[in-house]
Amino acid sequence: MQILKTNMFKRCVDGTVLKEYLVDTEVTRELVSYFGEFGTVKILGNLKQPFFSFSKKDYFNVKGMVGDQVLYVRYREEHREESFELFTTILEQWTPDTGTSPVLLP
């Protein structure tokens, strides 16, 4: 999965940075399951368009909708640069054919 566009929404009072990512394919349930390999995933599947959240403790929180191409990511200031790289790598390693990452990440 590739990032097509990035928008920085805002820097929050708590020191986090909120970014919006437009990705090249729709978010699927398989992608949300894949996120679970790297952190905690919650999905509200009983909605017309399921909502999900993915959290990598101390690094970032991702929110979005299954079927959408936009991801909203809140990064923690103390690991900001490392978190940007980690999230990008997680996305780039996603392959819908296998649904798994060939690289082990922290």
C-alpha atoms as a PDB file:
ATOM      1  CA  MET A   1       0.000   0.000   0.000  1.00  0.00           C
ATOM      2  CA  GLN A   2       1.325   3.413  -0.925  1.00  0.00           C
ATOM      3  CA  ILE A   3       0.609   6.851   0.536  1.00  0.00           C
ATOM      4  CA  LEU A   4      -0.617   9.203  -2.184  1.00  0.00           C
ATOM      5  CA  LYS A   5      -0.991  12.371  -0.127  1.00  0.00           C
ATOM      6  CA  THR A   6      -0.306  13.552   3.415  1.00  0.00           C
ATOM      7  CA  ASN A   7      -1.909  16.495   5.198  1.00  0.00           C
ATOM      8  CA  MET A   8      -0.847  17.661   8.647  1.00  0.00           C
ATOM      9  CA  PHE A   9      -4.054  18.674  10.377  1.00  0.00           C
ATOM     10  CA  LYS A  10      -2.750  20.116  13.587  1.00  0.00           C
ATOM     11  CA  ARG A  11      -0.383  20.019  16.487  1.00  0.00           C
ATOM     12  CA  CYS A  12      -2.442  19.306  19.582  1.00  0.00           C
ATOM     13  CA  VAL A  13      -2.112  20.771  23.082  1.00  0.00           C
ATOM     14  CA  ASP A  14      -1.078  17.364  24.458  1.00  0.00           C
ATOM     15  CA  GLY A  15       1.964  17.371  22.138  1.00  0.00           C
ATOM     16  CA  THR A  16       0.599  14.930  19.571  1.00  0.00           C
ATOM     17  CA  VAL A  17       0.505  15.599  15.846  1.00  0.00           C
ATOM     18  CA  LEU A  18      -2.564  14.655  13.796  1.00  0.00           C
ATOM     19  CA  LYS A  19      -1.995  13.690  10.152  1.00  0.00           C
ATOM     20  CA  GLU A  20      -4.316  12.585   7.383  1.00  0.00           C
ATOM     21  CA  TYR A  21      -3.135  10.058   4.786  1.00  0.00           C
ATOM     22  CA  LEU A  22      -4.733   9.273   1.443  1.00  0.00           C
ATOM     23  CA  VAL A  23      -3.703   5.757   0.392  1.00  0.00           C
ATOM     24  CA  ASP A  24      -3.821   4.111  -3.036  1.00  0.00           C
ATOM     25  CA  THR A  25      -6.375   1.401  -2.198  1.00  0.00           C
ATOM     26  CA  GLU A  26      -9.421   1.047   0.006  1.00  0.00           C
ATOM     27  CA  VAL A  27      -8.969  -0.125   3.570  1.00  0.00           C
ATOM     28  CA  THR A  28     -10.153  -3.726   3.868  1.00  0.00           C
ATOM     29  CA  ARG A  29     -10.898  -5.935   6.856  1.00  0.00           C
ATOM     30  CA  GLU A  30      -7.757  -7.887   5.920  1.00  0.00           C
ATOM     31  CA  LEU A  31      -5.653  -4.736   6.263  1.00  0.00           C
ATOM     32  CA  VAL A  32      -7.225  -4.003   9.649  1.00  0.00           C
ATOM     33  CA  SER A  33      -6.413  -7.575  10.750  1.00  0.00           C
ATOM     34  CA  TYR A  34      -2.834  -7.079   9.514  1.00  0.00           C
ATOM     35  CA  PHE A  35      -2.543  -3.970  11.724  1.00  0.00           C
ATOM     36  CA  GLY A  36      -3.235  -6.312  14.646  1.00  0.00           C
ATOM     37  CA  GLU A  37       0.209  -7.873  14.117  1.00  0.00           C
ATOM     38  CA  PHE A  38       1.745  -4.575  15.309  1.00  0.00           C
ATOM     39  CA  GLY A  39      -0.593  -3.321  18.001  1.00  0.00           C
ATOM     40  CA  THR A  40      -4.141  -3.236  19.300  1.00  0.00           C
ATOM     41  CA  VAL A  41      -7.048  -3.138  16.847  1.00  0.00           C
ATOM     42  CA  LYS A  42     -10.696  -2.404  17.569  1.00  0.00           C
ATOM     43  CA  ILE A  43     -13.409  -2.554  14.925  1.00  0.00           C
ATOM     44  CA  LEU A  44     -17.039  -1.531  15.097  1.00  0.00           C
ATOM     45  CA  GLY A  45     -18.297  -3.903  12.450  1.00  0.00           C
ATOM     46  CA  ASN A  46     -22.007  -3.442  13.069  1.00  0.00           C
ATOM     47  CA  LEU A  47     -22.041  -0.015  11.360  1.00  0.00           C
ATOM     48  CA  LYS A  48     -23.053   0.530   7.746  1.00  0.00           C
ATOM     49  CA  GLN A  49     -19.403   1.397   7.065  1.00  0.00           C
ATOM     50  CA  PRO A  50     -17.289  -0.287   9.783  1.00  0.00           C
ATOM     51  CA  PHE A  51     -15.046   2.002  11.850  1.00  0.00           C
ATOM     52  CA  PHE A  52     -11.664   0.824  13.164  1.00  0.00           C
ATOM     53  CA  SER A  53      -8.876   2.036  15.391  1.00  0.00           C
ATOM     54  CA  PHE A  54      -5.321   0.723  15.566  1.00  0.00           C
ATOM     55  CA  SER A  55      -2.958   1.670  18.361  1.00  0.00           C
ATOM     56  CA  LYS A  56       0.789   1.115  18.638  1.00  0.00           C
ATOM     57  CA  LYS A  57       1.385   1.949  22.293  1.00  0.00           C
ATOM     58  CA  ASP A  58       3.600   5.011  22.869  1.00  0.00           C
ATOM     59  CA  TYR A  59       3.883   5.652  19.109  1.00  0.00           C
ATOM     60  CA  PHE A  60       0.633   6.342  17.278  1.00  0.00           C
ATOM     61  CA  ASN A  61      -3.105   5.798  16.957  1.00  0.00           C
ATOM     62  CA  VAL A  62      -4.817   5.237  13.598  1.00  0.00           C
ATOM     63  CA  LYS A  63      -8.531   5.673  12.893  1.00  0.00           C
ATOM     64  CA  GLY A  64     -10.497   5.105   9.744  1.00  0.00           C
ATOM     65  CA  MET A  65     -13.376   3.426   7.977  1.00  0.00           C
ATOM     66  CA  VAL A  66     -13.334   0.100   6.142  1.00  0.00           C
ATOM     67  CA  GLY A  67     -13.918   0.846   2.460  1.00  0.00           C
ATOM     68  CA  ASP A  68     -12.359   4.323   2.671  1.00  0.00           C
ATOM     69  CA  GLN A  69      -8.949   5.470   1.427  1.00  0.00           C
ATOM     70  CA  VAL A  70      -8.231   7.954   4.240  1.00  0.00           C
ATOM     71  CA  LEU A  71      -6.402   7.174   7.480  1.00  0.00           C
ATOM     72  CA  TYR A  72      -6.143   9.603  10.407  1.00  0.00           C
ATOM     73  CA  VAL A  73      -3.004   9.130  12.496  1.00  0.00           C
ATOM     74  CA  ARG A  74      -2.135  10.797  15.799  1.00  0.00           C
ATOM     75  CA  TYR A  75       1.580  10.626  16.605  1.00  0.00           C
ATOM     76  CA  ARG A  76       3.112  11.039  20.046  1.00  0.00           C
ATOM     77  CA  GLU A  77       5.744  13.782  20.180  1.00  0.00           C
ATOM     78  CA  GLU A  78       8.431  11.811  22.014  1.00  0.00           C
ATOM     79  CA  HIS A  79       8.657   9.223  19.202  1.00  0.00           C
ATOM     80  CA  ARG A  80       7.452  11.356  16.285  1.00  0.00           C
ATOM     81  CA  GLU A  81      10.181  10.745  13.693  1.00  0.00           C
ATOM     82  CA  GLU A  82      10.483   7.051  14.526  1.00  0.00           C
ATOM     83  CA  SER A  83       6.685   6.743  14.452  1.00  0.00           C
ATOM     84  CA  PHE A  84       6.387   8.329  10.987  1.00  0.00           C
ATOM     85  CA  GLU A  85       8.896   5.826   9.655  1.00  0.00           C
ATOM     86  CA  LEU A  86       7.300   2.869  11.455  1.00  0.00           C
ATOM     87  CA  PHE A  87       3.782   3.651  10.201  1.00  0.00           C
ATOM     88  CA  THR A  88       4.999   4.172   6.634  1.00  0.00           C
ATOM     89  CA  THR A  89       6.876   0.872   6.736  1.00  0.00           C
ATOM     90  CA  ILE A  90       3.831  -0.982   8.052  1.00  0.00           C
ATOM     91  CA  LEU A  91       1.746   0.366   5.165  1.00  0.00           C
ATOM     92  CA  GLU A  92       4.395  -0.295   2.510  1.00  0.00           C
ATOM     93  CA  GLN A  93       4.886  -3.891   3.669  1.00  0.00           C
ATOM     94  CA  TRP A  94       1.162  -4.697   3.366  1.00  0.00           C
ATOM     95  CA  THR A  95       0.441  -7.114   0.564  1.00  0.00           C
ATOM     96  CA  PRO A  96      -3.189  -8.102   0.087  1.00  0.00           C
ATOM     97  CA  ASP A  97      -2.092 -11.410  -1.465  1.00  0.00           C
ATOM     98  CA  THR A  98      -0.483 -12.690   1.699  1.00  0.00           C
ATOM     99  CA  GLY A  99      -1.908 -10.351   4.305  1.00  0.00           C
ATOM    100  CA  THR A 100       1.308 -10.499   6.264  1.00  0.00           C
ATOM    101  CA  SER A 101       4.477  -8.518   6.570  1.00  0.00           C
ATOM    102  CA  PRO A 102       7.800 -10.050   5.479  1.00  0.00           C
ATOM    103  CA  VAL A 103       9.589  -7.789   7.973  1.00  0.00           C
ATOM    104  CA  LEU A 104       9.335  -7.972  11.756  1.00  0.00           C
ATOM    105  CA  LEU A 105       8.841  -4.539  13.269  1.00  0.00           C
ATOM    106  CA  PRO A 106       9.000  -3.410  16.897  1.00  0.00           C
END
